[in-house]
Amino acid sequence: MSTVKYKRDNPAGLSAQREDELRALAKKADGEIDYSDIPASGDERWPDAVRGKFYRPLKTQASVRIDADVMEWLKRPGKGYQTRLNAILREAMNRDLGEK
């Protein structure tokens, strides 16, 4: 058996028939689509599923001024102070967004 490899910047094209099918499907309302050939998929079928398991937010480089004692506190446990700082900021952001 041979291996077929695709590159992200050069995906295989769709046939004209498939493009027509997809356009027709996109025009239909959700209620008009026949889902009878798809098995039910409730939470009980996904007991080990984890939301966002492969989510990796984009990082941006920034230069900020932080009080020396705060920086010392962040670095005290050892490597990973930037990760700890990001986790603290993300928790504060989520708390702030949840309150609104």
PDB file of N, CA and C in Angstrom:
ATOM      1  N   MET A   1       0.855  -1.174   0.000  1.00  0.00           N
ATOM      2  CA  MET A   1       0.000   0.000   0.000  1.00  0.00           C
ATOM      3  C   MET A   1       0.903   1.241   0.000  1.00  0.00           C
ATOM      4  N   SER A   2       0.574   2.218  -0.815  1.00  0.00           N
ATOM      5  CA  SER A   2       1.370   3.441  -0.872  1.00  0.00           C
ATOM      6  C   SER A   2       0.795   4.498   0.066  1.00  0.00           C
ATOM      7  N   THR A   3       1.653   5.402   0.489  1.00  0.00           N
ATOM      8  CA  THR A   3       1.254   6.477   1.394  1.00  0.00           C
ATOM      9  C   THR A   3       1.010   7.740   0.588  1.00  0.00           C
ATOM     10  N   VAL A   4      -0.099   8.387   0.845  1.00  0.00           N
ATOM     11  CA  VAL A   4      -0.421   9.646   0.178  1.00  0.00           C
ATOM     12  C   VAL A   4      -0.173  10.768   1.167  1.00  0.00           C
ATOM     13  N   LYS A   5       0.597  11.756   0.768  1.00  0.00           N
ATOM     14  CA  LYS A   5       0.901  12.883   1.649  1.00  0.00           C
ATOM     15  C   LYS A   5       0.355  14.168   1.042  1.00  0.00           C
ATOM     16  N   TYR A   6      -0.240  14.992   1.894  1.00  0.00           N
ATOM     17  CA  TYR A   6      -0.757  16.288   1.474  1.00  0.00           C
ATOM     18  C   TYR A   6      -0.052  17.369   2.269  1.00  0.00           C
ATOM     19  N   LYS A   7       0.108  18.510   1.661  1.00  0.00           N
ATOM     20  CA  LYS A   7       0.663  19.664   2.357  1.00  0.00           C
ATOM     21  C   LYS A   7      -0.465  20.636   2.629  1.00  0.00           C
ATOM     22  N   ARG A   8      -0.357  21.351   3.738  1.00  0.00           N
ATOM     23  CA  ARG A   8      -1.419  22.292   4.106  1.00  0.00           C
ATOM     24  C   ARG A   8      -1.602  23.396   3.078  1.00  0.00           C
ATOM     25  N   ASP A   9      -0.515  23.826   2.460  1.00  0.00           N
ATOM     26  CA  ASP A   9      -0.617  24.937   1.520  1.00  0.00           C
ATOM     27  C   ASP A   9      -1.050  24.476   0.126  1.00  0.00           C
ATOM     28  N   ASN A  10      -1.221  23.165  -0.069  1.00  0.00           N
ATOM     29  CA  ASN A  10      -1.625  22.662  -1.368  1.00  0.00           C
ATOM     30  C   ASN A  10      -2.594  21.486  -1.193  1.00  0.00           C
ATOM     31  N   PRO A  11      -3.783  21.753  -0.620  1.00  0.00           N
ATOM     32  CA  PRO A  11      -4.730  20.659  -0.385  1.00  0.00           C
ATOM     33  C   PRO A  11      -5.325  20.147  -1.696  1.00  0.00           C
ATOM     34  N   ALA A  12      -5.786  18.913  -1.657  1.00  0.00           N
ATOM     35  CA  ALA A  12      -6.432  18.337  -2.838  1.00  0.00           C
ATOM     36  C   ALA A  12      -7.702  19.123  -3.152  1.00  0.00           C
ATOM     37  N   GLY A  13      -7.972  19.330  -4.421  1.00  0.00           N
ATOM     38  CA  GLY A  13      -9.150  20.092  -4.823  1.00  0.00           C
ATOM     39  C   GLY A  13     -10.417  19.252  -4.769  1.00  0.00           C
ATOM     40  N   LEU A  14     -11.546  19.918  -4.749  1.00  0.00           N
ATOM     41  CA  LEU A  14     -12.842  19.238  -4.754  1.00  0.00           C
ATOM     42  C   LEU A  14     -13.333  19.119  -6.190  1.00  0.00           C
ATOM     43  N   SER A  15     -14.055  18.046  -6.448  1.00  0.00           N
ATOM     44  CA  SER A  15     -14.647  17.895  -7.777  1.00  0.00           C
ATOM     45  C   SER A  15     -15.781  18.911  -7.914  1.00  0.00           C
ATOM     46  N   ALA A  16     -16.154  19.196  -9.140  1.00  0.00           N
ATOM     47  CA  ALA A  16     -17.246  20.145  -9.385  1.00  0.00           C
ATOM     48  C   ALA A  16     -18.540  19.630  -8.764  1.00  0.00           C
ATOM     49  N   GLN A  17     -18.754  18.309  -8.837  1.00  0.00           N
ATOM     50  CA  GLN A  17     -19.961  17.718  -8.257  1.00  0.00           C
ATOM     51  C   GLN A  17     -19.972  17.921  -6.739  1.00  0.00           C
ATOM     52  N   ARG A  18     -18.830  17.703  -6.098  1.00  0.00           N
ATOM     53  CA  ARG A  18     -18.758  17.854  -4.638  1.00  0.00           C
ATOM     54  C   ARG A  18     -18.966  19.315  -4.242  1.00  0.00           C
ATOM     55  N   GLU A  19     -18.400  20.238  -5.005  1.00  0.00           N
ATOM     56  CA  GLU A  19     -18.597  21.665  -4.723  1.00  0.00           C
ATOM     57  C   GLU A  19     -20.069  22.040  -4.832  1.00  0.00           C
ATOM     58  N   ASP A  20     -20.760  21.507  -5.843  1.00  0.00           N
ATOM     59  CA  ASP A  20     -22.196  21.766  -6.002  1.00  0.00           C
ATOM     60  C   ASP A  20     -22.983  21.221  -4.813  1.00  0.00           C
ATOM     61  N   GLU A  21     -22.630  20.001  -4.363  1.00  0.00           N
ATOM     62  CA  GLU A  21     -23.304  19.403  -3.206  1.00  0.00           C
ATOM     63  C   GLU A  21     -23.115  20.264  -1.956  1.00  0.00           C
ATOM     64  N   LEU A  22     -21.903  20.729  -1.749  1.00  0.00           N
ATOM     65  CA  LEU A  22     -21.618  21.543  -0.561  1.00  0.00           C
ATOM     66  C   LEU A  22     -22.336  22.887  -0.614  1.00  0.00           C
ATOM     67  N   ARG A  23     -22.403  23.498  -1.795  1.00  0.00           N
ATOM     68  CA  ARG A  23     -23.132  24.764  -1.937  1.00  0.00           C
ATOM     69  C   ARG A  23     -24.615  24.571  -1.630  1.00  0.00           C
ATOM     70  N   ALA A  24     -25.194  23.484  -2.160  1.00  0.00           N
ATOM     71  CA  ALA A  24     -26.616  23.196  -1.924  1.00  0.00           C
ATOM     72  C   ALA A  24     -26.868  22.943  -0.440  1.00  0.00           C
ATOM     73  N   LEU A  25     -25.974  22.227   0.208  1.00  0.00           N
ATOM     74  CA  LEU A  25     -26.118  21.944   1.634  1.00  0.00           C
ATOM     75  C   LEU A  25     -26.009  23.223   2.460  1.00  0.00           C
ATOM     76  N   ALA A  26     -25.109  24.108   2.082  1.00  0.00           N
ATOM     77  CA  ALA A  26     -24.932  25.365   2.818  1.00  0.00           C
ATOM     78  C   ALA A  26     -26.173  26.251   2.735  1.00  0.00           C
ATOM     79  N   LYS A  27     -26.928  26.130   1.655  1.00  0.00           N
ATOM     80  CA  LYS A  27     -28.129  26.951   1.478  1.00  0.00           C
ATOM     81  C   LYS A  27     -29.318  26.437   2.286  1.00  0.00           C
ATOM     82  N   LYS A  28     -29.280  25.165   2.695  1.00  0.00           N
ATOM     83  CA  LYS A  28     -30.402  24.575   3.431  1.00  0.00           C
ATOM     84  C   LYS A  28     -30.436  25.065   4.876  1.00  0.00           C
ATOM     85  N   ALA A  29     -31.636  25.182   5.401  1.00  0.00           N
ATOM     86  CA  ALA A  29     -31.803  25.475   6.829  1.00  0.00           C
ATOM     87  C   ALA A  29     -31.485  24.199   7.605  1.00  0.00           C
ATOM     88  N   ASP A  30     -31.061  24.324   8.854  1.00  0.00           N
ATOM     89  CA  ASP A  30     -30.704  23.154   9.658  1.00  0.00           C
ATOM     90  C   ASP A  30     -31.832  22.137   9.727  1.00  0.00           C
ATOM     91  N   GLY A  31     -33.059  22.608   9.800  1.00  0.00           N
ATOM     92  CA  GLY A  31     -34.204  21.715   9.897  1.00  0.00           C
ATOM     93  C   GLY A  31     -34.453  20.890   8.645  1.00  0.00           C
ATOM     94  N   GLU A  32     -33.924  21.333   7.518  1.00  0.00           N
ATOM     95  CA  GLU A  32     -34.127  20.628   6.251  1.00  0.00           C
ATOM     96  C   GLU A  32     -33.082  19.541   6.000  1.00  0.00           C
ATOM     97  N   ILE A  33     -32.031  19.510   6.801  1.00  0.00           N
ATOM     98  CA  ILE A  33     -30.946  18.555   6.576  1.00  0.00           C
ATOM     99  C   ILE A  33     -31.304  17.214   7.208  1.00  0.00           C
ATOM    100  N   ASP A  34     -31.114  16.132   6.448  1.00  0.00           N
ATOM    101  CA  ASP A  34     -31.427  14.779   6.922  1.00  0.00           C
ATOM    102  C   ASP A  34     -30.237  14.230   7.710  1.00  0.00           C
ATOM    103  N   TYR A  35     -30.422  14.070   9.010  1.00  0.00           N
ATOM    104  CA  TYR A  35     -29.376  13.538   9.883  1.00  0.00           C
ATOM    105  C   TYR A  35     -29.642  12.078  10.257  1.00  0.00           C
ATOM    106  N   SER A  36     -30.582  11.415   9.591  1.00  0.00           N
ATOM    107  CA  SER A  36     -31.003  10.072   9.995  1.00  0.00           C
ATOM    108  C   SER A  36     -29.890   9.028   9.884  1.00  0.00           C
ATOM    109  N   ASP A  37     -28.891   9.266   9.042  1.00  0.00           N
ATOM    110  CA  ASP A  37     -27.819   8.283   8.896  1.00  0.00           C
ATOM    111  C   ASP A  37     -26.673   8.511   9.885  1.00  0.00           C
ATOM    112  N   ILE A  38     -26.829   9.487  10.765  1.00  0.00           N
ATOM    113  CA  ILE A  38     -25.799   9.782  11.764  1.00  0.00           C
ATOM    114  C   ILE A  38     -26.272   9.256  13.114  1.00  0.00           C
ATOM    115  N   PRO A  39     -25.481   8.389  13.762  1.00  0.00           N
ATOM    116  CA  PRO A  39     -25.916   7.860  15.065  1.00  0.00           C
ATOM    117  C   PRO A  39     -25.947   8.952  16.128  1.00  0.00           C
ATOM    118  N   ALA A  40     -26.807   8.748  17.122  1.00  0.00           N
ATOM    119  CA  ALA A  40     -26.890   9.700  18.233  1.00  0.00           C
ATOM    120  C   ALA A  40     -25.534   9.779  18.924  1.00  0.00           C
ATOM    121  N   SER A  41     -25.182  10.954  19.365  1.00  0.00           N
ATOM    122  CA  SER A  41     -23.869  11.146  19.981  1.00  0.00           C
ATOM    123  C   SER A  41     -23.998  12.049  21.190  1.00  0.00           C
ATOM    124  N   GLY A  42     -24.560  11.525  22.255  1.00  0.00           N
ATOM    125  CA  GLY A  42     -24.728  12.301  23.477  1.00  0.00           C
ATOM    126  C   GLY A  42     -23.486  12.252  24.345  1.00  0.00           C
ATOM    127  N   ASP A  43     -23.553  12.892  25.500  1.00  0.00           N
ATOM    128  CA  ASP A  43     -22.419  12.944  26.419  1.00  0.00           C
ATOM    129  C   ASP A  43     -21.975  11.557  26.872  1.00  0.00           C
ATOM    130  N   GLU A  44     -22.911  10.617  26.946  1.00  0.00           N
ATOM    131  CA  GLU A  44     -22.565   9.272  27.417  1.00  0.00           C
ATOM    132  C   GLU A  44     -21.616   8.552  26.461  1.00  0.00           C
ATOM    133  N   ARG A  45     -21.560   8.995  25.212  1.00  0.00           N
ATOM    134  CA  ARG A  45     -20.643   8.374  24.241  1.00  0.00           C
ATOM    135  C   ARG A  45     -19.244   8.966  24.316  1.00  0.00           C
ATOM    136  N   TRP A  46     -19.066  10.030  25.070  1.00  0.00           N
ATOM    137  CA  TRP A  46     -17.781  10.715  25.155  1.00  0.00           C
ATOM    138  C   TRP A  46     -17.344  10.880  26.611  1.00  0.00           C
ATOM    139  N   PRO A  47     -17.243   9.809  27.387  1.00  0.00           N
ATOM    140  CA  PRO A  47     -16.938   9.966  28.817  1.00  0.00           C
ATOM    141  C   PRO A  47     -15.544  10.534  29.094  1.00  0.00           C
ATOM    142  N   ASP A  48     -14.600  10.297  28.189  1.00  0.00           N
ATOM    143  CA  ASP A  48     -13.226  10.748  28.428  1.00  0.00           C
ATOM    144  C   ASP A  48     -12.861  11.992  27.622  1.00  0.00           C
ATOM    145  N   ALA A  49     -13.839  12.577  26.957  1.00  0.00           N
ATOM    146  CA  ALA A  49     -13.559  13.756  26.137  1.00  0.00           C
ATOM    147  C   ALA A  49     -13.186  14.940  27.017  1.00  0.00           C
ATOM    148  N   VAL A  50     -12.226  15.723  26.538  1.00  0.00           N
ATOM    149  CA  VAL A  50     -11.771  16.903  27.265  1.00  0.00           C
ATOM    150  C   VAL A  50     -11.863  18.090  26.318  1.00  0.00           C
ATOM    151  N   ARG A  51     -12.631  19.093  26.696  1.00  0.00           N
ATOM    152  CA  ARG A  51     -12.781  20.280  25.859  1.00  0.00           C
ATOM    153  C   ARG A  51     -11.478  21.087  25.873  1.00  0.00           C
ATOM    154  N   GLY A  52     -11.024  21.439  24.694  1.00  0.00           N
ATOM    155  CA  GLY A  52      -9.844  22.284  24.576  1.00  0.00           C
ATOM    156  C   GLY A  52      -8.525  21.577  24.818  1.00  0.00           C
ATOM    157  N   LYS A  53      -8.493  20.249  24.735  1.00  0.00           N
ATOM    158  CA  LYS A  53      -7.280  19.497  25.038  1.00  0.00           C
ATOM    159  C   LYS A  53      -6.115  19.926  24.141  1.00  0.00           C
ATOM    160  N   PHE A  54      -6.384  20.190  22.888  1.00  0.00           N
ATOM    161  CA  PHE A  54      -5.323  20.531  21.953  1.00  0.00           C
ATOM    162  C   PHE A  54      -5.263  22.031  21.652  1.00  0.00           C
ATOM    163  N   TYR A  55      -5.991  22.819  22.427  1.00  0.00           N
ATOM    164  CA  TYR A  55      -6.005  24.268  22.221  1.00  0.00           C
ATOM    165  C   TYR A  55      -4.677  24.862  22.661  1.00  0.00           C
ATOM    166  N   ARG A  56      -4.046  25.595  21.789  1.00  0.00           N
ATOM    167  CA  ARG A  56      -2.806  26.295  22.107  1.00  0.00           C
ATOM    168  C   ARG A  56      -2.965  27.741  21.640  1.00  0.00           C
ATOM    169  N   PRO A  57      -3.181  28.659  22.573  1.00  0.00           N
ATOM    170  CA  PRO A  57      -3.368  30.049  22.155  1.00  0.00           C
ATOM    171  C   PRO A  57      -2.095  30.606  21.528  1.00  0.00           C
ATOM    172  N   LEU A  58      -2.278  31.533  20.612  1.00  0.00           N
ATOM    173  CA  LEU A  58      -1.132  32.192  19.998  1.00  0.00           C
ATOM    174  C   LEU A  58      -0.424  33.039  21.044  1.00  0.00           C
ATOM    175  N   LYS A  59       0.876  33.021  21.008  1.00  0.00           N
ATOM    176  CA  LYS A  59       1.670  33.815  21.943  1.00  0.00           C
ATOM    177  C   LYS A  59       2.134  35.080  21.230  1.00  0.00           C
ATOM    178  N   THR A  60       2.268  36.141  21.989  1.00  0.00           N
ATOM    179  CA  THR A  60       2.816  37.377  21.457  1.00  0.00           C
ATOM    180  C   THR A  60       3.914  37.847  22.399  1.00  0.00           C
ATOM    181  N   GLN A  61       4.956  38.385  21.830  1.00  0.00           N
ATOM    182  CA  GLN A  61       6.065  38.858  22.652  1.00  0.00           C
ATOM    183  C   GLN A  61       5.747  40.269  23.126  1.00  0.00           C
ATOM    184  N   ALA A  62       5.986  40.524  24.413  1.00  0.00           N
ATOM    185  CA  ALA A  62       5.696  41.839  24.978  1.00  0.00           C
ATOM    186  C   ALA A  62       6.783  42.211  25.973  1.00  0.00           C
ATOM    187  N   SER A  63       6.997  43.475  26.099  1.00  0.00           N
ATOM    188  CA  SER A  63       7.945  43.983  27.087  1.00  0.00           C
ATOM    189  C   SER A  63       7.140  44.802  28.088  1.00  0.00           C
ATOM    190  N   VAL A  64       7.166  44.377  29.352  1.00  0.00           N
ATOM    191  CA  VAL A  64       6.399  45.069  30.384  1.00  0.00           C
ATOM    192  C   VAL A  64       7.298  45.377  31.568  1.00  0.00           C
ATOM    193  N   ARG A  65       6.929  46.400  32.300  1.00  0.00           N
ATOM    194  CA  ARG A  65       7.667  46.747  33.517  1.00  0.00           C
ATOM    195  C   ARG A  65       6.918  46.157  34.701  1.00  0.00           C
ATOM    196  N   ILE A  66       7.634  45.339  35.466  1.00  0.00           N
ATOM    197  CA  ILE A  66       7.052  44.659  36.617  1.00  0.00           C
ATOM    198  C   ILE A  66       7.886  45.016  37.840  1.00  0.00           C
ATOM    199  N   ASP A  67       7.219  45.243  38.951  1.00  0.00           N
ATOM    200  CA  ASP A  67       7.934  45.548  40.192  1.00  0.00           C
ATOM    201  C   ASP A  67       8.937  44.438  40.491  1.00  0.00           C
ATOM    202  N   ALA A  68      10.106  44.838  40.996  1.00  0.00           N
ATOM    203  CA  ALA A  68      11.190  43.891  41.254  1.00  0.00           C
ATOM    204  C   ALA A  68      10.769  42.786  42.218  1.00  0.00           C
ATOM    205  N   ASP A  69      10.013  43.135  43.255  1.00  0.00           N
ATOM    206  CA  ASP A  69       9.615  42.105  44.221  1.00  0.00           C
ATOM    207  C   ASP A  69       8.626  41.111  43.604  1.00  0.00           C
ATOM    208  N   VAL A  70       7.796  41.581  42.684  1.00  0.00           N
ATOM    209  CA  VAL A  70       6.864  40.683  42.001  1.00  0.00           C
ATOM    210  C   VAL A  70       7.645  39.725  41.102  1.00  0.00           C
ATOM    211  N   MET A  71       8.626  40.252  40.372  1.00  0.00           N
ATOM    212  CA  MET A  71       9.443  39.411  39.498  1.00  0.00           C
ATOM    213  C   MET A  71      10.223  38.380  40.315  1.00  0.00           C
ATOM    214  N   GLU A  72      10.741  38.804  41.445  1.00  0.00           N
ATOM    215  CA  GLU A  72      11.471  37.883  42.323  1.00  0.00           C
ATOM    216  C   GLU A  72      10.541  36.757  42.794  1.00  0.00           C
ATOM    217  N   TRP A  73       9.326  37.122  43.168  1.00  0.00           N
ATOM    218  CA  TRP A  73       8.342  36.135  43.618  1.00  0.00           C
ATOM    219  C   TRP A  73       8.009  35.144  42.503  1.00  0.00           C
ATOM    220  N   LEU A  74       7.857  35.661  41.256  1.00  0.00           N
ATOM    221  CA  LEU A  74       7.553  34.785  40.125  1.00  0.00           C
ATOM    222  C   LEU A  74       8.698  33.816  39.832  1.00  0.00           C
ATOM    223  N   LYS A  75       9.941  34.285  39.968  1.00  0.00           N
ATOM    224  CA  LYS A  75      11.108  33.467  39.634  1.00  0.00           C
ATOM    225  C   LYS A  75      11.526  32.531  40.765  1.00  0.00           C
ATOM    226  N   ARG A  76      11.042  32.769  41.964  1.00  0.00           N
ATOM    227  CA  ARG A  76      11.473  32.004  43.139  1.00  0.00           C
ATOM    228  C   ARG A  76      11.337  30.484  42.967  1.00  0.00           C
ATOM    229  N   PRO A  77      10.219  29.965  42.458  1.00  0.00           N
ATOM    230  CA  PRO A  77      10.097  28.503  42.326  1.00  0.00           C
ATOM    231  C   PRO A  77      11.015  27.883  41.269  1.00  0.00           C
ATOM    232  N   GLY A  78      11.648  28.687  40.429  1.00  0.00           N
ATOM    233  CA  GLY A  78      12.542  28.154  39.400  1.00  0.00           C
ATOM    234  C   GLY A  78      12.028  28.437  37.999  1.00  0.00           C
ATOM    235  N   LYS A  79      12.471  27.588  37.060  1.00  0.00           N
ATOM    236  CA  LYS A  79      12.103  27.782  35.653  1.00  0.00           C
ATOM    237  C   LYS A  79      10.590  27.848  35.478  1.00  0.00           C
ATOM    238  N   GLY A  80      10.173  28.583  34.457  1.00  0.00           N
ATOM    239  CA  GLY A  80       8.757  28.645  34.125  1.00  0.00           C
ATOM    240  C   GLY A  80       8.040  29.871  34.650  1.00  0.00           C
ATOM    241  N   TYR A  81       8.785  30.916  35.008  1.00  0.00           N
ATOM    242  CA  TYR A  81       8.111  32.094  35.568  1.00  0.00           C
ATOM    243  C   TYR A  81       7.192  32.762  34.552  1.00  0.00           C
ATOM    244  N   GLN A  82       7.538  32.713  33.270  1.00  0.00           N
ATOM    245  CA  GLN A  82       6.667  33.318  32.260  1.00  0.00           C
ATOM    246  C   GLN A  82       5.362  32.529  32.131  1.00  0.00           C
ATOM    247  N   THR A  83       5.457  31.220  32.233  1.00  0.00           N
ATOM    248  CA  THR A  83       4.261  30.379  32.196  1.00  0.00           C
ATOM    249  C   THR A  83       3.386  30.666  33.404  1.00  0.00           C
ATOM    250  N   ARG A  84       4.009  30.812  34.582  1.00  0.00           N
ATOM    251  CA  ARG A  84       3.242  31.139  35.791  1.00  0.00           C
ATOM    252  C   ARG A  84       2.575  32.497  35.652  1.00  0.00           C
ATOM    253  N   LEU A  85       3.305  33.481  35.136  1.00  0.00           N
ATOM    254  CA  LEU A  85       2.741  34.816  34.946  1.00  0.00           C
ATOM    255  C   LEU A  85       1.550  34.755  33.993  1.00  0.00           C
ATOM    256  N   ASN A  86       1.693  34.005  32.901  1.00  0.00           N
ATOM    257  CA  ASN A  86       0.595  33.879  31.945  1.00  0.00           C
ATOM    258  C   ASN A  86      -0.620  33.219  32.591  1.00  0.00           C
ATOM    259  N   ALA A  87      -0.392  32.188  33.408  1.00  0.00           N
ATOM    260  CA  ALA A  87      -1.502  31.499  34.079  1.00  0.00           C
ATOM    261  C   ALA A  87      -2.225  32.438  35.039  1.00  0.00           C
ATOM    262  N   ILE A  88      -1.473  33.266  35.757  1.00  0.00           N
ATOM    263  CA  ILE A  88      -2.073  34.231  36.688  1.00  0.00           C
ATOM    264  C   ILE A  88      -2.908  35.252  35.917  1.00  0.00           C
ATOM    265  N   LEU A  89      -2.351  35.758  34.823  1.00  0.00           N
ATOM    266  CA  LEU A  89      -3.076  36.743  34.014  1.00  0.00           C
ATOM    267  C   LEU A  89      -4.315  36.127  33.362  1.00  0.00           C
ATOM    268  N   ARG A  90      -4.199  34.874  32.892  1.00  0.00           N
ATOM    269  CA  ARG A  90      -5.352  34.211  32.271  1.00  0.00           C
ATOM    270  C   ARG A  90      -6.460  34.006  33.295  1.00  0.00           C
ATOM    271  N   GLU A  91      -6.104  33.600  34.516  1.00  0.00           N
ATOM    272  CA  GLU A  91      -7.109  33.413  35.567  1.00  0.00           C
ATOM    273  C   GLU A  91      -7.815  34.733  35.869  1.00  0.00           C
ATOM    274  N   ALA A  92      -7.043  35.825  35.948  1.00  0.00           N
ATOM    275  CA  ALA A  92      -7.640  37.141  36.200  1.00  0.00           C
ATOM    276  C   ALA A  92      -8.550  37.550  35.041  1.00  0.00           C
ATOM    277  N   MET A  93      -8.105  37.284  33.811  1.00  0.00           N
ATOM    278  CA  MET A  93      -8.915  37.623  32.641  1.00  0.00           C
ATOM    279  C   MET A  93     -10.224  36.836  32.645  1.00  0.00           C
ATOM    280  N   ASN A  94     -10.138  35.518  32.890  1.00  0.00           N
ATOM    281  CA  ASN A  94     -11.348  34.688  32.908  1.00  0.00           C
ATOM    282  C   ASN A  94     -12.303  35.121  34.012  1.00  0.00           C
ATOM    283  N   ARG A  95     -11.762  35.474  35.167  1.00  0.00           N
ATOM    284  CA  ARG A  95     -12.599  35.944  36.274  1.00  0.00           C
ATOM    285  C   ARG A  95     -13.292  37.245  35.875  1.00  0.00           C
ATOM    286  N   ASP A  96     -12.548  38.154  35.258  1.00  0.00           N
ATOM    287  CA  ASP A  96     -13.106  39.437  34.828  1.00  0.00           C
ATOM    288  C   ASP A  96     -14.176  39.238  33.754  1.00  0.00           C
ATOM    289  N   LEU A  97     -13.913  38.372  32.796  1.00  0.00           N
ATOM    290  CA  LEU A  97     -14.886  38.128  31.726  1.00  0.00           C
ATOM    291  C   LEU A  97     -16.124  37.421  32.253  1.00  0.00           C
ATOM    292  N   GLY A  98     -15.961  36.597  33.273  1.00  0.00           N
ATOM    293  CA  GLY A  98     -17.092  35.888  33.853  1.00  0.00           C
ATOM    294  C   GLY A  98     -18.006  36.784  34.654  1.00  0.00           C
ATOM    295  N   GLU A  99     -17.479  37.871  35.182  1.00  0.00           N
ATOM    296  CA  GLU A  99     -18.272  38.792  35.997  1.00  0.00           C
ATOM    297  C   GLU A  99     -19.119  39.717  35.150  1.00  0.00           C
ATOM    298  N   LYS A 100     -18.789  39.861  33.882  1.00  0.00           N
ATOM    299  CA  LYS A 100     -19.512  40.806  33.025  1.00  0.00           C
ATOM    300  C   LYS A 100     -20.743  40.190  32.439  1.00  0.00           C
TER     301      LYS A 100
END
